[in-house]
Amino acid sequence: MTKKDLIELVAKKANLTNKAARDATGSFLNAIRDSLKRGEKVVITGFGTFSVRNRATRPGRNPKTGERITIQARKAPGFTPGKTLKKVVR
């Protein structure tokens, strides 16, 4: 499912225009993004939890030359599915 498909589905299910559904979906996704940017956790009960995870420094290889390199530590977004979502997918 693409973002466009999601917008069309929201418009259909919520009886909204495509523009209103696009605005609502965009606002929802931006709110999640902005919360993660601030380092906050986003919990959607029954769906899952979005969080920021810290990745440690680790060794790696340059695929072009085979040279050993060090991959720097960084923050990465993460998602943990909720119990209800896991149950539905099984």
PDB file of N, CA and C in Angstrom:
ATOM      1  N   MET A   1       0.849  -1.168   0.000  1.00  0.00           N
ATOM      2  CA  MET A   1       0.000   0.000   0.000  1.00  0.00           C
ATOM      3  C   MET A   1       0.897   1.234   0.000  1.00  0.00           C
ATOM      4  N   THR A   2       0.612   2.148  -0.884  1.00  0.00           N
ATOM      5  CA  THR A   2       1.363   3.403  -0.954  1.00  0.00           C
ATOM      6  C   THR A   2       0.621   4.488  -0.174  1.00  0.00           C
ATOM      7  N   LYS A   3       1.280   5.636  -0.025  1.00  0.00           N
ATOM      8  CA  LYS A   3       0.645   6.756   0.672  1.00  0.00           C
ATOM      9  C   LYS A   3      -0.619   7.186  -0.077  1.00  0.00           C
ATOM     10  N   LYS A   4      -0.557   7.176  -1.394  1.00  0.00           N
ATOM     11  CA  LYS A   4      -1.720   7.539  -2.210  1.00  0.00           C
ATOM     12  C   LYS A   4      -2.885   6.581  -1.950  1.00  0.00           C
ATOM     13  N   ASP A   5      -2.591   5.281  -1.904  1.00  0.00           N
ATOM     14  CA  ASP A   5      -3.623   4.278  -1.619  1.00  0.00           C
ATOM     15  C   ASP A   5      -4.230   4.492  -0.234  1.00  0.00           C
ATOM     16  N   LEU A   6      -3.380   4.818   0.732  1.00  0.00           N
ATOM     17  CA  LEU A   6      -3.847   5.076   2.092  1.00  0.00           C
ATOM     18  C   LEU A   6      -4.786   6.276   2.132  1.00  0.00           C
ATOM     19  N   ILE A   7      -4.422   7.337   1.431  1.00  0.00           N
ATOM     20  CA  ILE A   7      -5.265   8.539   1.381  1.00  0.00           C
ATOM     21  C   ILE A   7      -6.624   8.217   0.766  1.00  0.00           C
ATOM     22  N   GLU A   8      -6.623   7.459  -0.313  1.00  0.00           N
ATOM     23  CA  GLU A   8      -7.887   7.081  -0.962  1.00  0.00           C
ATOM     24  C   GLU A   8      -8.742   6.230  -0.031  1.00  0.00           C
ATOM     25  N   LEU A   9      -8.120   5.326   0.709  1.00  0.00           N
ATOM     26  CA  LEU A   9      -8.850   4.470   1.639  1.00  0.00           C
ATOM     27  C   LEU A   9      -9.443   5.294   2.785  1.00  0.00           C
ATOM     28  N   VAL A  10      -8.674   6.235   3.316  1.00  0.00           N
ATOM     29  CA  VAL A  10      -9.169   7.103   4.386  1.00  0.00           C
ATOM     30  C   VAL A  10     -10.344   7.935   3.878  1.00  0.00           C
ATOM     31  N   ALA A  11     -10.222   8.460   2.672  1.00  0.00           N
ATOM     32  CA  ALA A  11     -11.300   9.266   2.085  1.00  0.00           C
ATOM     33  C   ALA A  11     -12.583   8.446   1.961  1.00  0.00           C
ATOM     34  N   LYS A  12     -12.432   7.220   1.518  1.00  0.00           N
ATOM     35  CA  LYS A  12     -13.590   6.347   1.318  1.00  0.00           C
ATOM     36  C   LYS A  12     -14.228   5.935   2.651  1.00  0.00           C
ATOM     37  N   LYS A  13     -13.392   5.482   3.605  1.00  0.00           N
ATOM     38  CA  LYS A  13     -13.910   4.992   4.893  1.00  0.00           C
ATOM     39  C   LYS A  13     -14.498   6.114   5.749  1.00  0.00           C
ATOM     40  N   ALA A  14     -13.887   7.313   5.712  1.00  0.00           N
ATOM     41  CA  ALA A  14     -14.334   8.415   6.566  1.00  0.00           C
ATOM     42  C   ALA A  14     -15.291   9.354   5.841  1.00  0.00           C
ATOM     43  N   ASN A  15     -15.624   9.016   4.596  1.00  0.00           N
ATOM     44  CA  ASN A  15     -16.533   9.830   3.790  1.00  0.00           C
ATOM     45  C   ASN A  15     -16.017  11.276   3.683  1.00  0.00           C
ATOM     46  N   LEU A  16     -14.737  11.391   3.307  1.00  0.00           N
ATOM     47  CA  LEU A  16     -14.085  12.688   3.137  1.00  0.00           C
ATOM     48  C   LEU A  16     -13.704  12.890   1.676  1.00  0.00           C
ATOM     49  N   THR A  17     -13.409  14.127   1.332  1.00  0.00           N
ATOM     50  CA  THR A  17     -12.869  14.374   0.000  1.00  0.00           C
ATOM     51  C   THR A  17     -11.409  13.915   0.016  1.00  0.00           C
ATOM     52  N   ASN A  18     -10.851  13.705  -1.169  1.00  0.00           N
ATOM     53  CA  ASN A  18      -9.447  13.289  -1.239  1.00  0.00           C
ATOM     54  C   ASN A  18      -8.533  14.351  -0.645  1.00  0.00           C
ATOM     55  N   LYS A  19      -8.863  15.624  -0.836  1.00  0.00           N
ATOM     56  CA  LYS A  19      -8.037  16.702  -0.288  1.00  0.00           C
ATOM     57  C   LYS A  19      -8.071  16.678   1.235  1.00  0.00           C
ATOM     58  N   ALA A  20      -9.253  16.505   1.822  1.00  0.00           N
ATOM     59  CA  ALA A  20      -9.376  16.449   3.282  1.00  0.00           C
ATOM     60  C   ALA A  20      -8.645  15.228   3.841  1.00  0.00           C
ATOM     61  N   ALA A  21      -8.765  14.099   3.158  1.00  0.00           N
ATOM     62  CA  ALA A  21      -8.081  12.879   3.595  1.00  0.00           C
ATOM     63  C   ALA A  21      -6.567  13.046   3.472  1.00  0.00           C
ATOM     64  N   ARG A  22      -6.099  13.706   2.418  1.00  0.00           N
ATOM     65  CA  ARG A  22      -4.667  13.955   2.235  1.00  0.00           C
ATOM     66  C   ARG A  22      -4.142  14.845   3.359  1.00  0.00           C
ATOM     67  N   ASP A  23      -4.901  15.895   3.698  1.00  0.00           N
ATOM     68  CA  ASP A  23      -4.504  16.796   4.775  1.00  0.00           C
ATOM     69  C   ASP A  23      -4.476  16.065   6.116  1.00  0.00           C
ATOM     70  N   ALA A  24      -5.488  15.246   6.386  1.00  0.00           N
ATOM     71  CA  ALA A  24      -5.567  14.517   7.654  1.00  0.00           C
ATOM     72  C   ALA A  24      -4.434  13.502   7.767  1.00  0.00           C
ATOM     73  N   THR A  25      -4.190  12.757   6.713  1.00  0.00           N
ATOM     74  CA  THR A  25      -3.129  11.760   6.713  1.00  0.00           C
ATOM     75  C   THR A  25      -1.769  12.431   6.849  1.00  0.00           C
ATOM     76  N   GLY A  26      -1.569  13.523   6.125  1.00  0.00           N
ATOM     77  CA  GLY A  26      -0.313  14.259   6.210  1.00  0.00           C
ATOM     78  C   GLY A  26      -0.076  14.811   7.605  1.00  0.00           C
ATOM     79  N   SER A  27      -1.113  15.348   8.222  1.00  0.00           N
ATOM     80  CA  SER A  27      -0.990  15.889   9.581  1.00  0.00           C
ATOM     81  C   SER A  27      -0.643  14.789  10.576  1.00  0.00           C
ATOM     82  N   PHE A  28      -1.258  13.637  10.422  1.00  0.00           N
ATOM     83  CA  PHE A  28      -0.998  12.490  11.291  1.00  0.00           C
ATOM     84  C   PHE A  28       0.458  12.042  11.183  1.00  0.00           C
ATOM     85  N   LEU A  29       0.929  11.879   9.958  1.00  0.00           N
ATOM     86  CA  LEU A  29       2.302  11.431   9.748  1.00  0.00           C
ATOM     87  C   LEU A  29       3.309  12.482  10.205  1.00  0.00           C
ATOM     88  N   ASN A  30       3.007  13.752   9.979  1.00  0.00           N
ATOM     89  CA  ASN A  30       3.896  14.827  10.431  1.00  0.00           C
ATOM     90  C   ASN A  30       3.976  14.882  11.954  1.00  0.00           C
ATOM     91  N   ALA A  31       2.860  14.630  12.618  1.00  0.00           N
ATOM     92  CA  ALA A  31       2.852  14.627  14.084  1.00  0.00           C
ATOM     93  C   ALA A  31       3.747  13.512  14.621  1.00  0.00           C
ATOM     94  N   ILE A  32       3.699  12.345  14.009  1.00  0.00           N
ATOM     95  CA  ILE A  32       4.565  11.234  14.422  1.00  0.00           C
ATOM     96  C   ILE A  32       6.022  11.610  14.170  1.00  0.00           C
ATOM     97  N   ARG A  33       6.314  12.134  12.983  1.00  0.00           N
ATOM     98  CA  ARG A  33       7.675  12.524  12.635  1.00  0.00           C
ATOM     99  C   ARG A  33       8.230  13.574  13.600  1.00  0.00           C
ATOM    100  N   ASP A  34       7.426  14.590  13.894  1.00  0.00           N
ATOM    101  CA  ASP A  34       7.871  15.665  14.781  1.00  0.00           C
ATOM    102  C   ASP A  34       8.121  15.166  16.204  1.00  0.00           C
ATOM    103  N   SER A  35       7.289  14.253  16.676  1.00  0.00           N
ATOM    104  CA  SER A  35       7.484  13.681  18.014  1.00  0.00           C
ATOM    105  C   SER A  35       8.773  12.873  18.081  1.00  0.00           C
ATOM    106  N   LEU A  36       9.039  12.085  17.053  1.00  0.00           N
ATOM    107  CA  LEU A  36      10.271  11.304  17.014  1.00  0.00           C
ATOM    108  C   LEU A  36      11.486  12.220  16.926  1.00  0.00           C
ATOM    109  N   LYS A  37      11.353  13.303  16.184  1.00  0.00           N
ATOM    110  CA  LYS A  37      12.451  14.267  16.050  1.00  0.00           C
ATOM    111  C   LYS A  37      12.816  14.857  17.412  1.00  0.00           C
ATOM    112  N   ARG A  38      11.810  15.062  18.270  1.00  0.00           N
ATOM    113  CA  ARG A  38      12.041  15.583  19.624  1.00  0.00           C
ATOM    114  C   ARG A  38      12.507  14.488  20.582  1.00  0.00           C
ATOM    115  N   GLY A  39      12.588  13.238  20.111  1.00  0.00           N
ATOM    116  CA  GLY A  39      13.037  12.126  20.944  1.00  0.00           C
ATOM    117  C   GLY A  39      11.934  11.492  21.761  1.00  0.00           C
ATOM    118  N   GLU A  40      10.683  11.833  21.452  1.00  0.00           N
ATOM    119  CA  GLU A  40       9.545  11.282  22.189  1.00  0.00           C
ATOM    120  C   GLU A  40       9.085   9.967  21.583  1.00  0.00           C
ATOM    121  N   LYS A  41       8.420   9.183  22.387  1.00  0.00           N
ATOM    122  CA  LYS A  41       7.820   7.922  21.957  1.00  0.00           C
ATOM    123  C   LYS A  41       6.381   8.196  21.545  1.00  0.00           C
ATOM    124  N   VAL A  42       5.899   7.531  20.495  1.00  0.00           N
ATOM    125  CA  VAL A  42       4.507   7.673  20.054  1.00  0.00           C
ATOM    126  C   VAL A  42       3.838   6.314  20.230  1.00  0.00           C
ATOM    127  N   VAL A  43       2.859   6.255  21.128  1.00  0.00           N
ATOM    128  CA  VAL A  43       2.161   4.998  21.413  1.00  0.00           C
ATOM    129  C   VAL A  43       0.747   5.095  20.871  1.00  0.00           C
ATOM    130  N   ILE A  44       0.393   4.175  19.974  1.00  0.00           N
ATOM    131  CA  ILE A  44      -0.959   4.082  19.438  1.00  0.00           C
ATOM    132  C   ILE A  44      -1.503   2.743  19.929  1.00  0.00           C
ATOM    133  N   THR A  45      -2.335   2.811  20.944  1.00  0.00           N
ATOM    134  CA  THR A  45      -2.852   1.607  21.588  1.00  0.00           C
ATOM    135  C   THR A  45      -3.545   0.710  20.572  1.00  0.00           C
ATOM    136  N   GLY A  46      -3.184  -0.568  20.586  1.00  0.00           N
ATOM    137  CA  GLY A  46      -3.763  -1.539  19.675  1.00  0.00           C
ATOM    138  C   GLY A  46      -3.030  -1.620  18.355  1.00  0.00           C
ATOM    139  N   PHE A  47      -2.152  -0.664  18.071  1.00  0.00           N
ATOM    140  CA  PHE A  47      -1.404  -0.665  16.815  1.00  0.00           C
ATOM    141  C   PHE A  47       0.075  -0.889  17.055  1.00  0.00           C
ATOM    142  N   GLY A  48       0.695  -0.005  17.840  1.00  0.00           N
ATOM    143  CA  GLY A  48       2.119  -0.177  18.112  1.00  0.00           C
ATOM    144  C   GLY A  48       2.754   1.081  18.656  1.00  0.00           C
ATOM    145  N   THR A  49       4.078   1.018  18.786  1.00  0.00           N
ATOM    146  CA  THR A  49       4.850   2.109  19.350  1.00  0.00           C
ATOM    147  C   THR A  49       5.974   2.506  18.403  1.00  0.00           C
ATOM    148  N   PHE A  50       6.033   3.792  18.089  1.00  0.00           N
ATOM    149  CA  PHE A  50       7.132   4.347  17.312  1.00  0.00           C
ATOM    150  C   PHE A  50       8.111   4.941  18.313  1.00  0.00           C
ATOM    151  N   SER A  51       9.405   4.698  18.127  1.00  0.00           N
ATOM    152  CA  SER A  51      10.396   5.233  19.050  1.00  0.00           C
ATOM    153  C   SER A  51      11.701   5.501  18.312  1.00  0.00           C
ATOM    154  N   VAL A  52      12.603   6.208  18.991  1.00  0.00           N
ATOM    155  CA  VAL A  52      13.931   6.470  18.449  1.00  0.00           C
ATOM    156  C   VAL A  52      14.887   5.490  19.113  1.00  0.00           C
ATOM    157  N   ARG A  53      15.650   4.776  18.297  1.00  0.00           N
ATOM    158  CA  ARG A  53      16.599   3.797  18.822  1.00  0.00           C
ATOM    159  C   ARG A  53      18.010   4.285  18.552  1.00  0.00           C
ATOM    160  N   ASN A  54      18.892   4.024  19.499  1.00  0.00           N
ATOM    161  CA  ASN A  54      20.291   4.401  19.346  1.00  0.00           C
ATOM    162  C   ASN A  54      21.068   3.222  18.784  1.00  0.00           C
ATOM    163  N   ARG A  55      21.717   3.444  17.653  1.00  0.00           N
ATOM    164  CA  ARG A  55      22.548   2.411  17.029  1.00  0.00           C
ATOM    165  C   ARG A  55      23.984   2.653  17.466  1.00  0.00           C
ATOM    166  N   ALA A  56      24.666   1.651  17.938  1.00  0.00           N
ATOM    167  CA  ALA A  56      26.034   1.767  18.425  1.00  0.00           C
ATOM    168  C   ALA A  56      27.011   1.830  17.250  1.00  0.00           C
ATOM    169  N   THR A  57      28.209   2.325  17.526  1.00  0.00           N
ATOM    170  CA  THR A  57      29.286   2.297  16.537  1.00  0.00           C
ATOM    171  C   THR A  57      29.628   0.837  16.279  1.00  0.00           C
ATOM    172  N   ARG A  58      29.871   0.499  15.020  1.00  0.00           N
ATOM    173  CA  ARG A  58      30.161  -0.893  14.689  1.00  0.00           C
ATOM    174  C   ARG A  58      31.113  -0.974  13.504  1.00  0.00           C
ATOM    175  N   PRO A  59      31.822  -2.085  13.382  1.00  0.00           N
ATOM    176  CA  PRO A  59      32.737  -2.243  12.248  1.00  0.00           C
ATOM    177  C   PRO A  59      31.958  -2.608  10.993  1.00  0.00           C
ATOM    178  N   GLY A  60      32.501  -2.232   9.858  1.00  0.00           N
ATOM    179  CA  GLY A  60      31.876  -2.564   8.587  1.00  0.00           C
ATOM    180  C   GLY A  60      32.927  -2.633   7.503  1.00  0.00           C
ATOM    181  N   ARG A  61      32.494  -2.829   6.262  1.00  0.00           N
ATOM    182  CA  ARG A  61      33.407  -2.886   5.126  1.00  0.00           C
ATOM    183  C   ARG A  61      32.875  -2.010   4.006  1.00  0.00           C
ATOM    184  N   ASN A  62      33.769  -1.352   3.329  1.00  0.00           N
ATOM    185  CA  ASN A  62      33.421  -0.611   2.130  1.00  0.00           C
ATOM    186  C   ASN A  62      33.182  -1.649   1.036  1.00  0.00           C
ATOM    187  N   PRO A  63      31.965  -1.760   0.487  1.00  0.00           N
ATOM    188  CA  PRO A  63      31.688  -2.812  -0.498  1.00  0.00           C
ATOM    189  C   PRO A  63      32.488  -2.653  -1.793  1.00  0.00           C
ATOM    190  N   LYS A  64      32.901  -1.444  -2.092  1.00  0.00           N
ATOM    191  CA  LYS A  64      33.646  -1.197  -3.334  1.00  0.00           C
ATOM    192  C   LYS A  64      35.101  -1.655  -3.230  1.00  0.00           C
ATOM    193  N   THR A  65      35.743  -1.337  -2.097  1.00  0.00           N
ATOM    194  CA  THR A  65      37.166  -1.634  -1.952  1.00  0.00           C
ATOM    195  C   THR A  65      37.456  -2.786  -1.000  1.00  0.00           C
ATOM    196  N   GLY A  66      36.507  -3.149  -0.156  1.00  0.00           N
ATOM    197  CA  GLY A  66      36.714  -4.199   0.833  1.00  0.00           C
ATOM    198  C   GLY A  66      37.440  -3.698   2.067  1.00  0.00           C
ATOM    199  N   GLU A  67      37.761  -2.403   2.088  1.00  0.00           N
ATOM    200  CA  GLU A  67      38.466  -1.800   3.217  1.00  0.00           C
ATOM    201  C   GLU A  67      37.582  -1.790   4.464  1.00  0.00           C
ATOM    202  N   ARG A  68      38.214  -2.031   5.620  1.00  0.00           N
ATOM    203  CA  ARG A  68      37.473  -1.990   6.893  1.00  0.00           C
ATOM    204  C   ARG A  68      37.205  -0.536   7.258  1.00  0.00           C
ATOM    205  N   ILE A  69      35.977  -0.276   7.703  1.00  0.00           N
ATOM    206  CA  ILE A  69      35.603   1.066   8.129  1.00  0.00           C
ATOM    207  C   ILE A  69      34.833   0.964   9.438  1.00  0.00           C
ATOM    208  N   THR A  70      34.678   2.091  10.089  1.00  0.00           N
ATOM    209  CA  THR A  70      33.874   2.154  11.307  1.00  0.00           C
ATOM    210  C   THR A  70      32.600   2.919  10.974  1.00  0.00           C
ATOM    211  N   ILE A  71      31.467   2.292  11.225  1.00  0.00           N
ATOM    212  CA  ILE A  71      30.174   2.938  11.004  1.00  0.00           C
ATOM    213  C   ILE A  71      29.825   3.677  12.292  1.00  0.00           C
ATOM    214  N   GLN A  72      29.633   4.970  12.187  1.00  0.00           N
ATOM    215  CA  GLN A  72      29.396   5.821  13.347  1.00  0.00           C
ATOM    216  C   GLN A  72      28.052   5.510  14.025  1.00  0.00           C
ATOM    217  N   ALA A  73      27.975   5.798  15.301  1.00  0.00           N
ATOM    218  CA  ALA A  73      26.722   5.643  16.057  1.00  0.00           C
ATOM    219  C   ALA A  73      25.709   6.650  15.523  1.00  0.00           C
ATOM    220  N   ARG A  74      24.440   6.288  15.578  1.00  0.00           N
ATOM    221  CA  ARG A  74      23.394   7.191  15.093  1.00  0.00           C
ATOM    222  C   ARG A  74      22.072   6.814  15.725  1.00  0.00           C
ATOM    223  N   LYS A  75      21.108   7.676  15.508  1.00  0.00           N
ATOM    224  CA  LYS A  75      19.750   7.403  15.968  1.00  0.00           C
ATOM    225  C   LYS A  75      18.945   6.939  14.766  1.00  0.00           C
ATOM    226  N   ALA A  76      18.039   6.006  15.002  1.00  0.00           N
ATOM    227  CA  ALA A  76      17.209   5.480  13.921  1.00  0.00           C
ATOM    228  C   ALA A  76      15.782   5.299  14.430  1.00  0.00           C
ATOM    229  N   PRO A  77      14.790   5.540  13.565  1.00  0.00           N
ATOM    230  CA  PRO A  77      13.409   5.307  13.986  1.00  0.00           C
ATOM    231  C   PRO A  77      13.135   3.808  14.093  1.00  0.00           C
ATOM    232  N   GLY A  78      12.278   3.463  15.033  1.00  0.00           N
ATOM    233  CA  GLY A  78      11.917   2.064  15.212  1.00  0.00           C
ATOM    234  C   GLY A  78      10.428   1.922  15.458  1.00  0.00           C
ATOM    235  N   PHE A  79       9.907   0.747  15.176  1.00  0.00           N
ATOM    236  CA  PHE A  79       8.491   0.464  15.395  1.00  0.00           C
ATOM    237  C   PHE A  79       8.366  -0.896  16.050  1.00  0.00           C
ATOM    238  N   THR A  80       7.572  -0.955  17.108  1.00  0.00           N
ATOM    239  CA  THR A  80       7.258  -2.214  17.769  1.00  0.00           C
ATOM    240  C   THR A  80       5.754  -2.423  17.663  1.00  0.00           C
ATOM    241  N   PRO A  81       5.336  -3.484  16.977  1.00  0.00           N
ATOM    242  CA  PRO A  81       3.893  -3.699  16.830  1.00  0.00           C
ATOM    243  C   PRO A  81       3.239  -4.045  18.160  1.00  0.00           C
ATOM    244  N   GLY A  82       1.987  -3.622  18.304  1.00  0.00           N
ATOM    245  CA  GLY A  82       1.217  -3.914  19.502  1.00  0.00           C
ATOM    246  C   GLY A  82       0.632  -5.315  19.456  1.00  0.00           C
ATOM    247  N   LYS A  83       0.138  -5.745  20.576  1.00  0.00           N
ATOM    248  CA  LYS A  83      -0.419  -7.090  20.712  1.00  0.00           C
ATOM    249  C   LYS A  83      -1.586  -7.326  19.746  1.00  0.00           C
ATOM    250  N   THR A  84      -2.473  -6.333  19.630  1.00  0.00           N
ATOM    251  CA  THR A  84      -3.637  -6.469  18.750  1.00  0.00           C
ATOM    252  C   THR A  84      -3.214  -6.599  17.299  1.00  0.00           C
ATOM    253  N   LEU A  85      -2.255  -5.786  16.871  1.00  0.00           N
ATOM    254  CA  LEU A  85      -1.778  -5.847  15.487  1.00  0.00           C
ATOM    255  C   LEU A  85      -1.114  -7.191  15.198  1.00  0.00           C
ATOM    256  N   LYS A  86      -0.321  -7.681  16.122  1.00  0.00           N
ATOM    257  CA  LYS A  86       0.316  -8.985  15.947  1.00  0.00           C
ATOM    258  C   LYS A  86      -0.718 -10.092  15.768  1.00  0.00           C
ATOM    259  N   LYS A  87      -1.774 -10.008  16.579  1.00  0.00           N
ATOM    260  CA  LYS A  87      -2.827 -11.011  16.548  1.00  0.00           C
ATOM    261  C   LYS A  87      -3.550 -11.014  15.203  1.00  0.00           C
ATOM    262  N   VAL A  88      -3.824  -9.820  14.679  1.00  0.00           N
ATOM    263  CA  VAL A  88      -4.550  -9.682  13.412  1.00  0.00           C
ATOM    264  C   VAL A  88      -3.711 -10.208  12.241  1.00  0.00           C
ATOM    265  N   VAL A  89      -2.409  -9.943  12.285  1.00  0.00           N
ATOM    266  CA  VAL A  89      -1.535 -10.344  11.179  1.00  0.00           C
ATOM    267  C   VAL A  89      -1.321 -11.841  11.145  1.00  0.00           C
ATOM    268  N   ARG A  90      -1.290 -12.481  12.312  1.00  0.00           N
ATOM    269  CA  ARG A  90      -1.103 -13.939  12.356  1.00  0.00           C
ATOM    270  C   ARG A  90      -2.262 -14.571  11.711  1.00  0.00           C
TER     271      ARG A  90
END
